[in-house]
Amino acid sequence: MSTRDIYLSFFMFTVNLHPDDPQYTEVVVGHMKKLQDIGYAGFDLPVFPNGTGDPQADVPRYEKLRKALDAAGLDNVGLTTNVATTPAYNPTSLKAEEREAALAYLKSRVDITAALRGTIMAGPVLFPYNVFPTLNGKPLWSDALQDWLRPRYDIAQPLFERLAEYAAEKGVQVAIEPVDHWETPAPNMVRDVLDFLAGVRGPQIGVCVDSSHVVLGSSGPEAYLRDIRDSADQRRLHYVQVSPPDRGEVADSWIPWRPFLEPILPVYDGPLLIEVFNAIPAFLDSLRLTRRKFWIPGEDEPVPGVPSAYEVAEEGIKKLRSELTALNAT
């Protein structure tokens, strides 16, 4: 267990890799090489919408990034992608033409994942992230929210069947991430995703389990055990993320290490992703971050008394490895 591949989310540094910018690609290469030295086997890369209305145009941009990584000696680095849907690309829209646009968008993100030689595309790809529904200007919650969600879940299932077929052709697994109710209206829990996937044939579309969302949005330890067992039995446990509830440092956080990892490790052999949301502009409002930014070497001036992004990453992987070793010894 302690030799399992551990990846780091690039949310530590950015939400936009700017794959057309050779100077920023050099920055990305520098971060990856330093983090490889620390012990990371791979990275989860955010795939940012280009806003042009042509999502497929992004594919050659990320092909260029992969070639640049290979040329820099990073041909052995493992990559996964983080993708979110948006109001412009909404698989749950009641309008058929909007769902078709969402499918084209998601297929392009699968293509990008394959172009990067990644095998996992994960994230909140069902309902648009951080967009809360309203009726007559008032937010919907509780029963009203669940009633609003139901037809939209149903109408999205055929789209995800088509996406599953496409992803299978490309060798990519799609992992829908349930995100806690502080960040997005649905799905919030692993069971929500499994219930949705009951109407989607084939295991190519699965679930991404994140410790932060489990703690903030789970029904409890018994439900969690059942959800992990069912995900594994259905061959839908596609990605596992280790992230504290405050999305900050892993080394000293309220992660229930044994209850979280113990059911997962015997049934999941993929990489474990450490996900830290640094206090970069993209996250300040959506996550309401109050802590100081982990300063980024080469980009920020050192801040006395504040750990660097590299230090947080190094302490995080040490902590995760120690927990894996402890579980392996019992």
C-alpha atoms as a PDB file:
ATOM      1  CA  MET A   1       0.000   0.000   0.000  1.00  0.00           C
ATOM      2  CA  SER A   2       2.773   2.458   0.842  1.00  0.00           C
ATOM      3  CA  THR A   3       4.183   2.203  -2.722  1.00  0.00           C
ATOM      4  CA  ARG A   4       0.935   3.282  -4.348  1.00  0.00           C
ATOM      5  CA  ASP A   5       1.248   6.137  -6.867  1.00  0.00           C
ATOM      6  CA  ILE A   6       0.436   9.526  -5.372  1.00  0.00           C
ATOM      7  CA  TYR A   7      -0.535  12.458  -7.587  1.00  0.00           C
ATOM      8  CA  LEU A   8      -0.842  16.167  -6.802  1.00  0.00           C
ATOM      9  CA  SER A   9      -3.547  18.493  -8.059  1.00  0.00           C
ATOM     10  CA  PHE A  10      -2.302  21.510  -9.993  1.00  0.00           C
ATOM     11  CA  PHE A  11      -4.946  23.530  -8.169  1.00  0.00           C
ATOM     12  CA  MET A  12      -1.991  24.276  -5.898  1.00  0.00           C
ATOM     13  CA  PHE A  13      -0.763  26.583  -8.665  1.00  0.00           C
ATOM     14  CA  THR A  14      -3.451  27.446 -11.206  1.00  0.00           C
ATOM     15  CA  VAL A  15      -6.813  26.666 -12.788  1.00  0.00           C
ATOM     16  CA  ASN A  16      -5.526  27.514 -16.281  1.00  0.00           C
ATOM     17  CA  LEU A  17      -2.410  25.882 -17.700  1.00  0.00           C
ATOM     18  CA  HIS A  18      -2.258  28.300 -20.690  1.00  0.00           C
ATOM     19  CA  PRO A  19      -1.023  25.493 -22.969  1.00  0.00           C
ATOM     20  CA  ASP A  20      -0.314  27.989 -25.799  1.00  0.00           C
ATOM     21  CA  ASP A  21       2.094  29.995 -23.664  1.00  0.00           C
ATOM     22  CA  PRO A  22       5.644  28.548 -23.901  1.00  0.00           C
ATOM     23  CA  GLN A  23       6.812  30.654 -20.958  1.00  0.00           C
ATOM     24  CA  TYR A  24       4.124  29.305 -18.670  1.00  0.00           C
ATOM     25  CA  THR A  25       4.790  25.779 -19.932  1.00  0.00           C
ATOM     26  CA  GLU A  26       8.337  26.245 -18.638  1.00  0.00           C
ATOM     27  CA  VAL A  27       6.866  27.172 -15.250  1.00  0.00           C
ATOM     28  CA  VAL A  28       4.681  24.038 -15.305  1.00  0.00           C
ATOM     29  CA  VAL A  29       7.706  21.902 -16.202  1.00  0.00           C
ATOM     30  CA  GLY A  30       9.686  23.414 -13.329  1.00  0.00           C
ATOM     31  CA  HIS A  31       6.911  22.673 -10.828  1.00  0.00           C
ATOM     32  CA  MET A  32       6.552  19.103 -12.061  1.00  0.00           C
ATOM     33  CA  LYS A  33      10.266  18.352 -11.883  1.00  0.00           C
ATOM     34  CA  LYS A  34      10.530  19.702  -8.346  1.00  0.00           C
ATOM     35  CA  LEU A  35       7.458  17.768  -7.241  1.00  0.00           C
ATOM     36  CA  GLN A  36       8.713  14.575  -8.895  1.00  0.00           C
ATOM     37  CA  ASP A  37      11.846  14.938  -6.778  1.00  0.00           C
ATOM     38  CA  ILE A  38       9.585  15.135  -3.718  1.00  0.00           C
ATOM     39  CA  GLY A  39       7.971  11.854  -4.756  1.00  0.00           C
ATOM     40  CA  TYR A  40       4.875  12.613  -6.817  1.00  0.00           C
ATOM     41  CA  ALA A  41       4.297  10.144  -9.635  1.00  0.00           C
ATOM     42  CA  GLY A  42       1.789  12.294 -11.497  1.00  0.00           C
ATOM     43  CA  PHE A  43      -0.481  15.304 -11.548  1.00  0.00           C
ATOM     44  CA  ASP A  44      -4.127  16.204 -11.974  1.00  0.00           C
ATOM     45  CA  LEU A  45      -4.396  19.016 -14.505  1.00  0.00           C
ATOM     46  CA  PRO A  46      -7.286  21.483 -14.714  1.00  0.00           C
ATOM     47  CA  VAL A  47      -8.689  21.809 -18.222  1.00  0.00           C
ATOM     48  CA  PHE A  48      -9.973  25.333 -18.577  1.00  0.00           C
ATOM     49  CA  PRO A  49     -12.772  26.203 -21.067  1.00  0.00           C
ATOM     50  CA  ASN A  50     -11.414  28.482 -23.787  1.00  0.00           C
ATOM     51  CA  GLY A  51     -14.615  30.518 -24.073  1.00  0.00           C
ATOM     52  CA  THR A  52     -14.574  30.538 -27.882  1.00  0.00           C
ATOM     53  CA  GLY A  53     -17.627  28.336 -28.360  1.00  0.00           C
ATOM     54  CA  ASP A  54     -15.470  25.653 -30.002  1.00  0.00           C
ATOM     55  CA  PRO A  55     -14.300  23.286 -27.249  1.00  0.00           C
ATOM     56  CA  GLN A  56     -12.714  20.918 -29.759  1.00  0.00           C
ATOM     57  CA  ALA A  57     -10.215  23.654 -30.627  1.00  0.00           C
ATOM     58  CA  ASP A  58      -8.602  23.039 -27.231  1.00  0.00           C
ATOM     59  CA  VAL A  59      -7.433  19.536 -28.130  1.00  0.00           C
ATOM     60  CA  PRO A  60      -4.356  20.489 -30.208  1.00  0.00           C
ATOM     61  CA  ARG A  61      -3.381  23.025 -27.521  1.00  0.00           C
ATOM     62  CA  TYR A  62      -3.077  20.233 -24.943  1.00  0.00           C
ATOM     63  CA  GLU A  63      -1.377  17.951 -27.450  1.00  0.00           C
ATOM     64  CA  LYS A  64       1.272  20.680 -27.649  1.00  0.00           C
ATOM     65  CA  LEU A  65       1.561  20.689 -23.855  1.00  0.00           C
ATOM     66  CA  ARG A  66       2.082  16.918 -23.755  1.00  0.00           C
ATOM     67  CA  LYS A  67       4.815  17.172 -26.386  1.00  0.00           C
ATOM     68  CA  ALA A  68       6.503  19.927 -24.385  1.00  0.00           C
ATOM     69  CA  LEU A  69       6.416  17.789 -21.232  1.00  0.00           C
ATOM     70  CA  ASP A  70       7.891  14.844 -23.117  1.00  0.00           C
ATOM     71  CA  ALA A  71      10.641  17.033 -24.580  1.00  0.00           C
ATOM     72  CA  ALA A  72      11.479  18.244 -21.068  1.00  0.00           C
ATOM     73  CA  GLY A  73      12.067  14.693 -19.876  1.00  0.00           C
ATOM     74  CA  LEU A  74       8.640  14.286 -18.262  1.00  0.00           C
ATOM     75  CA  ASP A  75       7.465  11.545 -20.610  1.00  0.00           C
ATOM     76  CA  ASN A  76       7.008   9.218 -17.624  1.00  0.00           C
ATOM     77  CA  VAL A  77       4.804  11.569 -15.616  1.00  0.00           C
ATOM     78  CA  GLY A  78       1.236  10.338 -15.035  1.00  0.00           C
ATOM     79  CA  LEU A  79      -1.577  12.767 -15.776  1.00  0.00           C
ATOM     80  CA  THR A  80      -5.284  12.934 -15.058  1.00  0.00           C
ATOM     81  CA  THR A  81      -7.642  15.806 -15.817  1.00  0.00           C
ATOM     82  CA  ASN A  82     -10.044  17.867 -13.777  1.00  0.00           C
ATOM     83  CA  VAL A  83     -13.119  19.036 -15.667  1.00  0.00           C
ATOM     84  CA  ALA A  84     -16.253  20.917 -14.651  1.00  0.00           C
ATOM     85  CA  THR A  85     -19.386  21.653 -16.583  1.00  0.00           C
ATOM     86  CA  THR A  86     -20.659  25.227 -16.851  1.00  0.00           C
ATOM     87  CA  PRO A  87     -23.985  26.930 -17.615  1.00  0.00           C
ATOM     88  CA  ALA A  88     -22.861  27.121 -21.250  1.00  0.00           C
ATOM     89  CA  TYR A  89     -22.244  23.354 -21.288  1.00  0.00           C
ATOM     90  CA  ASN A  90     -24.963  21.865 -19.127  1.00  0.00           C
ATOM     91  CA  PRO A  91     -25.748  18.136 -19.521  1.00  0.00           C
ATOM     92  CA  THR A  92     -28.874  18.565 -17.370  1.00  0.00           C
ATOM     93  CA  SER A  93     -30.464  21.336 -19.439  1.00  0.00           C
ATOM     94  CA  LEU A  94     -34.077  20.765 -20.410  1.00  0.00           C
ATOM     95  CA  LYS A  95     -33.218  22.058 -23.907  1.00  0.00           C
ATOM     96  CA  ALA A  96     -31.948  19.387 -26.302  1.00  0.00           C
ATOM     97  CA  GLU A  97     -29.621  21.729 -28.186  1.00  0.00           C
ATOM     98  CA  GLU A  98     -27.938  22.778 -24.929  1.00  0.00           C
ATOM     99  CA  ARG A  99     -27.441  19.150 -23.926  1.00  0.00           C
ATOM    100  CA  GLU A 100     -25.871  18.434 -27.319  1.00  0.00           C
ATOM    101  CA  ALA A 101     -23.459  21.325 -26.777  1.00  0.00           C
ATOM    102  CA  ALA A 102     -22.614  19.870 -23.370  1.00  0.00           C
ATOM    103  CA  LEU A 103     -21.944  16.443 -24.898  1.00  0.00           C
ATOM    104  CA  ALA A 104     -19.631  17.974 -27.498  1.00  0.00           C
ATOM    105  CA  TYR A 105     -17.819  19.802 -24.704  1.00  0.00           C
ATOM    106  CA  LEU A 106     -17.413  16.660 -22.588  1.00  0.00           C
ATOM    107  CA  LYS A 107     -16.207  14.653 -25.589  1.00  0.00           C
ATOM    108  CA  SER A 108     -13.579  17.320 -26.229  1.00  0.00           C
ATOM    109  CA  ARG A 109     -12.410  17.010 -22.618  1.00  0.00           C
ATOM    110  CA  VAL A 110     -12.137  13.232 -23.082  1.00  0.00           C
ATOM    111  CA  ASP A 111     -10.054  13.924 -26.198  1.00  0.00           C
ATOM    112  CA  ILE A 112      -7.807  16.245 -24.192  1.00  0.00           C
ATOM    113  CA  THR A 113      -7.363  13.604 -21.500  1.00  0.00           C
ATOM    114  CA  ALA A 114      -6.381  11.060 -24.145  1.00  0.00           C
ATOM    115  CA  ALA A 115      -4.046  13.587 -25.817  1.00  0.00           C
ATOM    116  CA  LEU A 116      -2.279  14.026 -22.484  1.00  0.00           C
ATOM    117  CA  ARG A 117      -2.033  10.209 -22.265  1.00  0.00           C
ATOM    118  CA  GLY A 118      -4.274  10.302 -19.234  1.00  0.00           C
ATOM    119  CA  THR A 119      -6.802   7.607 -18.427  1.00  0.00           C
ATOM    120  CA  ILE A 120      -9.025   9.416 -15.893  1.00  0.00           C
ATOM    121  CA  MET A 121     -11.166  12.527 -16.347  1.00  0.00           C
ATOM    122  CA  ALA A 122     -12.770  13.547 -13.070  1.00  0.00           C
ATOM    123  CA  GLY A 123     -14.725  16.408 -11.614  1.00  0.00           C
ATOM    124  CA  PRO A 124     -18.215  17.886 -11.243  1.00  0.00           C
ATOM    125  CA  VAL A 125     -19.328  17.066 -14.784  1.00  0.00           C
ATOM    126  CA  LEU A 126     -23.042  16.545 -14.182  1.00  0.00           C
ATOM    127  CA  PHE A 127     -24.635  19.763 -12.904  1.00  0.00           C
ATOM    128  CA  PRO A 128     -22.748  23.010 -13.543  1.00  0.00           C
ATOM    129  CA  TYR A 129     -20.317  23.611 -10.701  1.00  0.00           C
ATOM    130  CA  ASN A 130     -21.124  26.301  -8.117  1.00  0.00           C
ATOM    131  CA  VAL A 131     -24.378  27.301  -9.855  1.00  0.00           C
ATOM    132  CA  PHE A 132     -27.373  27.169  -7.519  1.00  0.00           C
ATOM    133  CA  PRO A 133     -30.895  27.030  -8.997  1.00  0.00           C
ATOM    134  CA  THR A 134     -33.516  29.644  -8.236  1.00  0.00           C
ATOM    135  CA  LEU A 135     -37.232  30.030  -8.817  1.00  0.00           C
ATOM    136  CA  ASN A 136     -38.680  33.523  -9.104  1.00  0.00           C
ATOM    137  CA  GLY A 137     -35.381  34.874  -7.809  1.00  0.00           C
ATOM    138  CA  LYS A 138     -35.340  32.708  -4.683  1.00  0.00           C
ATOM    139  CA  PRO A 139     -32.851  29.855  -4.122  1.00  0.00           C
ATOM    140  CA  LEU A 140     -34.205  26.316  -4.063  1.00  0.00           C
ATOM    141  CA  TRP A 141     -33.345  24.096  -1.111  1.00  0.00           C
ATOM    142  CA  SER A 142     -34.422  20.815   0.481  1.00  0.00           C
ATOM    143  CA  ASP A 143     -37.566  19.248  -1.017  1.00  0.00           C
ATOM    144  CA  ALA A 144     -37.959  21.990  -3.613  1.00  0.00           C
ATOM    145  CA  LEU A 145     -34.381  21.469  -4.753  1.00  0.00           C
ATOM    146  CA  GLN A 146     -34.764  17.686  -4.937  1.00  0.00           C
ATOM    147  CA  ASP A 147     -37.962  18.055  -6.977  1.00  0.00           C
ATOM    148  CA  TRP A 148     -36.143  20.423  -9.339  1.00  0.00           C
ATOM    149  CA  LEU A 149     -33.213  18.028  -9.704  1.00  0.00           C
ATOM    150  CA  ARG A 150     -35.144  14.839 -10.456  1.00  0.00           C
ATOM    151  CA  PRO A 151     -36.181  15.511 -14.092  1.00  0.00           C
ATOM    152  CA  ARG A 152     -32.734  16.914 -14.837  1.00  0.00           C
ATOM    153  CA  TYR A 153     -31.012  13.775 -13.566  1.00  0.00           C
ATOM    154  CA  ASP A 154     -33.335  11.696 -15.760  1.00  0.00           C
ATOM    155  CA  ILE A 155     -32.783  13.745 -18.875  1.00  0.00           C
ATOM    156  CA  ALA A 156     -28.979  13.597 -18.514  1.00  0.00           C
ATOM    157  CA  GLN A 157     -28.730   9.802 -18.349  1.00  0.00           C
ATOM    158  CA  PRO A 158     -28.910   9.157 -22.138  1.00  0.00           C
ATOM    159  CA  LEU A 159     -26.219  11.796 -22.685  1.00  0.00           C
ATOM    160  CA  PHE A 160     -23.877  10.036 -20.281  1.00  0.00           C
ATOM    161  CA  GLU A 161     -24.517   6.703 -21.982  1.00  0.00           C
ATOM    162  CA  ARG A 162     -23.304   8.271 -25.209  1.00  0.00           C
ATOM    163  CA  LEU A 163     -20.347   9.815 -23.393  1.00  0.00           C
ATOM    164  CA  ALA A 164     -19.498   6.409 -21.904  1.00  0.00           C
ATOM    165  CA  GLU A 165     -19.328   4.836 -25.355  1.00  0.00           C
ATOM    166  CA  TYR A 166     -17.086   7.617 -26.614  1.00  0.00           C
ATOM    167  CA  ALA A 167     -14.800   7.540 -23.571  1.00  0.00           C
ATOM    168  CA  ALA A 168     -14.420   3.771 -23.884  1.00  0.00           C
ATOM    169  CA  GLU A 169     -13.182   4.205 -27.466  1.00  0.00           C
ATOM    170  CA  LYS A 170     -10.574   6.678 -26.194  1.00  0.00           C
ATOM    171  CA  GLY A 171      -9.490   4.560 -23.227  1.00  0.00           C
ATOM    172  CA  VAL A 172     -10.619   7.169 -20.693  1.00  0.00           C
ATOM    173  CA  GLN A 173     -12.652   6.625 -17.539  1.00  0.00           C
ATOM    174  CA  VAL A 174     -14.985   9.446 -16.518  1.00  0.00           C
ATOM    175  CA  ALA A 175     -15.387   9.930 -12.772  1.00  0.00           C
ATOM    176  CA  ILE A 176     -18.297  12.099 -11.630  1.00  0.00           C
ATOM    177  CA  GLU A 177     -17.285  13.858  -8.431  1.00  0.00           C
ATOM    178  CA  PRO A 178     -19.983  14.474  -5.819  1.00  0.00           C
ATOM    179  CA  VAL A 179     -19.259  17.873  -4.292  1.00  0.00           C
ATOM    180  CA  ASP A 180     -20.516  19.025  -0.919  1.00  0.00           C
ATOM    181  CA  HIS A 181     -23.525  21.337  -0.677  1.00  0.00           C
ATOM    182  CA  TRP A 182     -21.357  24.318   0.295  1.00  0.00           C
ATOM    183  CA  GLU A 183     -19.955  24.380  -3.237  1.00  0.00           C
ATOM    184  CA  THR A 184     -22.612  23.019  -5.553  1.00  0.00           C
ATOM    185  CA  PRO A 185     -26.281  21.929  -5.409  1.00  0.00           C
ATOM    186  CA  ALA A 186     -25.867  18.358  -6.670  1.00  0.00           C
ATOM    187  CA  PRO A 187     -24.747  15.648  -6.639  1.00  0.00           C
ATOM    188  CA  ASN A 188     -23.437  15.972  -3.081  1.00  0.00           C
ATOM    189  CA  MET A 189     -22.848  12.374  -2.030  1.00  0.00           C
ATOM    190  CA  VAL A 190     -21.432   9.200  -3.532  1.00  0.00           C
ATOM    191  CA  ARG A 191     -24.877   7.638  -3.324  1.00  0.00           C
ATOM    192  CA  ASP A 192     -26.304  10.472  -5.441  1.00  0.00           C
ATOM    193  CA  VAL A 193     -23.874   9.574  -8.222  1.00  0.00           C
ATOM    194  CA  LEU A 194     -24.543   5.842  -7.921  1.00  0.00           C
ATOM    195  CA  ASP A 195     -28.301   6.441  -8.087  1.00  0.00           C
ATOM    196  CA  PHE A 196     -27.798   8.517 -11.232  1.00  0.00           C
ATOM    197  CA  LEU A 197     -25.559   5.875 -12.788  1.00  0.00           C
ATOM    198  CA  ALA A 198     -28.178   3.192 -12.220  1.00  0.00           C
ATOM    199  CA  GLY A 199     -29.692   4.586 -15.411  1.00  0.00           C
ATOM    200  CA  VAL A 200     -26.392   4.577 -17.344  1.00  0.00           C
ATOM    201  CA  ARG A 201     -25.204   1.294 -18.829  1.00  0.00           C
ATOM    202  CA  GLY A 202     -21.586   0.236 -18.569  1.00  0.00           C
ATOM    203  CA  PRO A 203     -18.901   1.071 -16.019  1.00  0.00           C
ATOM    204  CA  GLN A 204     -16.942   3.617 -18.115  1.00  0.00           C
ATOM    205  CA  ILE A 205     -18.705   6.391 -16.174  1.00  0.00           C
ATOM    206  CA  GLY A 206     -18.033   6.078 -12.467  1.00  0.00           C
ATOM    207  CA  VAL A 207     -17.464   8.043  -9.291  1.00  0.00           C
ATOM    208  CA  CYS A 208     -14.634  10.110  -7.859  1.00  0.00           C
ATOM    209  CA  VAL A 209     -14.494   9.911  -4.056  1.00  0.00           C
ATOM    210  CA  ASP A 210     -12.993  12.918  -2.256  1.00  0.00           C
ATOM    211  CA  SER A 211     -12.306  12.857   1.486  1.00  0.00           C
ATOM    212  CA  SER A 212     -13.300  16.503   1.855  1.00  0.00           C
ATOM    213  CA  HIS A 213     -16.753  15.977   0.389  1.00  0.00           C
ATOM    214  CA  VAL A 214     -17.213  12.727   2.291  1.00  0.00           C
ATOM    215  CA  VAL A 215     -16.622  14.578   5.565  1.00  0.00           C
ATOM    216  CA  LEU A 216     -18.736  17.612   4.668  1.00  0.00           C
ATOM    217  CA  GLY A 217     -21.582  15.884   2.869  1.00  0.00           C
ATOM    218  CA  SER A 218     -21.718  12.198   3.770  1.00  0.00           C
ATOM    219  CA  SER A 219     -24.599  10.430   5.492  1.00  0.00           C
ATOM    220  CA  GLY A 220     -22.171   8.738   7.897  1.00  0.00           C
ATOM    221  CA  PRO A 221     -19.650   5.894   8.182  1.00  0.00           C
ATOM    222  CA  GLU A 222     -22.105   3.054   7.567  1.00  0.00           C
ATOM    223  CA  ALA A 223     -23.443   4.695   4.425  1.00  0.00           C
ATOM    224  CA  TYR A 224     -19.881   5.383   3.289  1.00  0.00           C
ATOM    225  CA  LEU A 225     -18.912   1.724   3.674  1.00  0.00           C
ATOM    226  CA  ARG A 226     -21.958   0.682   1.669  1.00  0.00           C
ATOM    227  CA  ASP A 227     -21.259   3.286  -1.029  1.00  0.00           C
ATOM    228  CA  ILE A 228     -17.629   2.201  -1.485  1.00  0.00           C
ATOM    229  CA  ARG A 229     -18.644  -1.471  -1.599  1.00  0.00           C
ATOM    230  CA  ASP A 230     -21.330  -0.771  -4.203  1.00  0.00           C
ATOM    231  CA  SER A 231     -19.010   1.446  -6.265  1.00  0.00           C
ATOM    232  CA  ALA A 232     -16.427  -1.318  -6.347  1.00  0.00           C
ATOM    233  CA  ASP A 233     -18.965  -4.049  -7.087  1.00  0.00           C
ATOM    234  CA  GLN A 234     -20.233  -2.011 -10.032  1.00  0.00           C
ATOM    235  CA  ARG A 235     -16.651  -1.338 -11.219  1.00  0.00           C
ATOM    236  CA  ARG A 236     -17.346   2.380 -10.922  1.00  0.00           C
ATOM    237  CA  LEU A 237     -14.752   3.450  -8.331  1.00  0.00           C
ATOM    238  CA  HIS A 238     -12.571   5.399 -10.764  1.00  0.00           C
ATOM    239  CA  TYR A 239     -10.647   7.983  -8.723  1.00  0.00           C
ATOM    240  CA  VAL A 240      -9.854   8.772  -5.081  1.00  0.00           C
ATOM    241  CA  GLN A 241      -8.853  12.196  -3.834  1.00  0.00           C
ATOM    242  CA  VAL A 242      -7.308  13.036  -0.474  1.00  0.00           C
ATOM    243  CA  SER A 243      -8.263  16.555   0.537  1.00  0.00           C
ATOM    244  CA  PRO A 244      -8.917  18.194   3.920  1.00  0.00           C
ATOM    245  CA  PRO A 245     -12.350  19.686   4.621  1.00  0.00           C
ATOM    246  CA  ASP A 246     -10.836  23.193   4.481  1.00  0.00           C
ATOM    247  CA  ARG A 247      -9.068  22.253   1.198  1.00  0.00           C
ATOM    248  CA  GLY A 248      -5.734  23.272   2.739  1.00  0.00           C
ATOM    249  CA  GLU A 249      -2.764  21.454   4.249  1.00  0.00           C
ATOM    250  CA  VAL A 250      -2.969  17.667   4.358  1.00  0.00           C
ATOM    251  CA  ALA A 251      -0.275  17.100   6.969  1.00  0.00           C
ATOM    252  CA  ASP A 252      -2.355  18.400   9.884  1.00  0.00           C
ATOM    253  CA  SER A 253      -6.018  18.178   8.956  1.00  0.00           C
ATOM    254  CA  TRP A 254      -9.332  16.647   9.958  1.00  0.00           C
ATOM    255  CA  ILE A 255      -9.121  13.745   7.520  1.00  0.00           C
ATOM    256  CA  PRO A 256     -10.467  10.530   9.113  1.00  0.00           C
ATOM    257  CA  TRP A 257      -7.585   8.557   7.684  1.00  0.00           C
ATOM    258  CA  ARG A 258      -8.445   5.011   8.680  1.00  0.00           C
ATOM    259  CA  PRO A 259     -12.240   5.205   8.145  1.00  0.00           C
ATOM    260  CA  PHE A 260     -11.674   6.864   4.767  1.00  0.00           C
ATOM    261  CA  LEU A 261      -8.865   4.737   3.342  1.00  0.00           C
ATOM    262  CA  GLU A 262      -9.477   1.326   4.859  1.00  0.00           C
ATOM    263  CA  PRO A 263     -12.558   0.456   2.743  1.00  0.00           C
ATOM    264  CA  ILE A 264     -10.968   1.895  -0.417  1.00  0.00           C
ATOM    265  CA  LEU A 265      -7.515   0.366  -0.564  1.00  0.00           C
ATOM    266  CA  PRO A 266      -8.517  -3.299  -1.035  1.00  0.00           C
ATOM    267  CA  VAL A 267     -10.847  -2.478  -3.940  1.00  0.00           C
ATOM    268  CA  TYR A 268      -9.051   0.392  -5.699  1.00  0.00           C
ATOM    269  CA  ASP A 269      -5.622   0.180  -7.314  1.00  0.00           C
ATOM    270  CA  GLY A 270      -5.412   3.565  -9.017  1.00  0.00           C
ATOM    271  CA  PRO A 271      -3.493   6.653  -7.928  1.00  0.00           C
ATOM    272  CA  LEU A 272      -4.377   8.640  -4.821  1.00  0.00           C
ATOM    273  CA  LEU A 273      -4.629  12.340  -5.548  1.00  0.00           C
ATOM    274  CA  ILE A 274      -3.659  14.949  -2.974  1.00  0.00           C
ATOM    275  CA  GLU A 275      -5.840  17.961  -3.684  1.00  0.00           C
ATOM    276  CA  VAL A 276      -4.978  21.292  -2.084  1.00  0.00           C
ATOM    277  CA  PHE A 277      -6.832  24.418  -3.159  1.00  0.00           C
ATOM    278  CA  ASN A 278      -4.327  27.200  -2.780  1.00  0.00           C
ATOM    279  CA  ALA A 279      -5.578  30.726  -2.124  1.00  0.00           C
ATOM    280  CA  ILE A 280      -5.218  31.779  -5.753  1.00  0.00           C
ATOM    281  CA  PRO A 281      -7.780  34.234  -7.183  1.00  0.00           C
ATOM    282  CA  ALA A 282      -9.978  31.598  -8.795  1.00  0.00           C
ATOM    283  CA  PHE A 283     -10.874  30.083  -5.422  1.00  0.00           C
ATOM    284  CA  LEU A 284     -11.165  33.096  -3.163  1.00  0.00           C
ATOM    285  CA  ASP A 285     -14.866  33.728  -3.718  1.00  0.00           C
ATOM    286  CA  SER A 286     -16.176  30.266  -4.576  1.00  0.00           C
ATOM    287  CA  LEU A 287     -14.461  28.613  -1.586  1.00  0.00           C
ATOM    288  CA  ARG A 288     -14.538  31.700   0.672  1.00  0.00           C
ATOM    289  CA  LEU A 289     -10.899  31.161   1.589  1.00  0.00           C
ATOM    290  CA  THR A 290      -9.602  33.180   4.532  1.00  0.00           C
ATOM    291  CA  ARG A 291      -6.170  31.610   5.026  1.00  0.00           C
ATOM    292  CA  ARG A 292      -3.010  33.070   3.528  1.00  0.00           C
ATOM    293  CA  LYS A 293      -1.780  31.785   0.203  1.00  0.00           C
ATOM    294  CA  PHE A 294       0.893  29.103   0.199  1.00  0.00           C
ATOM    295  CA  TRP A 295       3.464  31.151  -1.718  1.00  0.00           C
ATOM    296  CA  ILE A 296       4.633  29.631  -4.967  1.00  0.00           C
ATOM    297  CA  PRO A 297       8.420  29.392  -5.492  1.00  0.00           C
ATOM    298  CA  GLY A 298       9.502  31.147  -8.664  1.00  0.00           C
ATOM    299  CA  GLU A 299       6.261  33.101  -8.838  1.00  0.00           C
ATOM    300  CA  ASP A 300       5.853  34.760  -5.422  1.00  0.00           C
ATOM    301  CA  GLU A 301       8.152  36.425  -2.952  1.00  0.00           C
ATOM    302  CA  PRO A 302       8.719  34.223   0.122  1.00  0.00           C
ATOM    303  CA  VAL A 303       6.395  35.075   2.995  1.00  0.00           C
ATOM    304  CA  PRO A 304       7.892  34.672   6.485  1.00  0.00           C
ATOM    305  CA  GLY A 305       5.909  32.250   8.624  1.00  0.00           C
ATOM    306  CA  VAL A 306       3.848  30.953   5.681  1.00  0.00           C
ATOM    307  CA  PRO A 307       4.780  27.606   4.089  1.00  0.00           C
ATOM    308  CA  SER A 308       5.515  27.457   0.392  1.00  0.00           C
ATOM    309  CA  ALA A 309       3.418  25.395  -1.999  1.00  0.00           C
ATOM    310  CA  TYR A 310       6.314  22.927  -2.268  1.00  0.00           C
ATOM    311  CA  GLU A 311       6.539  22.557   1.508  1.00  0.00           C
ATOM    312  CA  VAL A 312       2.801  21.899   1.785  1.00  0.00           C
ATOM    313  CA  ALA A 313       3.061  19.337  -1.019  1.00  0.00           C
ATOM    314  CA  GLU A 314       6.047  17.610   0.574  1.00  0.00           C
ATOM    315  CA  GLU A 315       4.498  17.402   4.029  1.00  0.00           C
ATOM    316  CA  GLY A 316       1.269  16.160   2.471  1.00  0.00           C
ATOM    317  CA  ILE A 317       2.842  13.240   0.642  1.00  0.00           C
ATOM    318  CA  LYS A 318       4.840  12.310   3.750  1.00  0.00           C
ATOM    319  CA  LYS A 319       1.626  12.243   5.789  1.00  0.00           C
ATOM    320  CA  LEU A 320      -0.281  10.160   3.256  1.00  0.00           C
ATOM    321  CA  ARG A 321       2.582   7.680   2.956  1.00  0.00           C
ATOM    322  CA  SER A 322       2.768   7.320   6.737  1.00  0.00           C
ATOM    323  CA  GLU A 323      -0.961   6.595   6.904  1.00  0.00           C
ATOM    324  CA  LEU A 324      -0.670   4.006   4.118  1.00  0.00           C
ATOM    325  CA  THR A 325       2.236   2.366   5.925  1.00  0.00           C
ATOM    326  CA  ALA A 326       0.268   2.249   9.178  1.00  0.00           C
ATOM    327  CA  LEU A 327      -2.701   0.640   7.432  1.00  0.00           C
ATOM    328  CA  ASN A 328      -0.429  -1.855   5.710  1.00  0.00           C
ATOM    329  CA  ALA A 329       1.001  -2.883   9.080  1.00  0.00           C
ATOM    330  CA  THR A 330      -2.375  -3.785  10.585  1.00  0.00           C
END
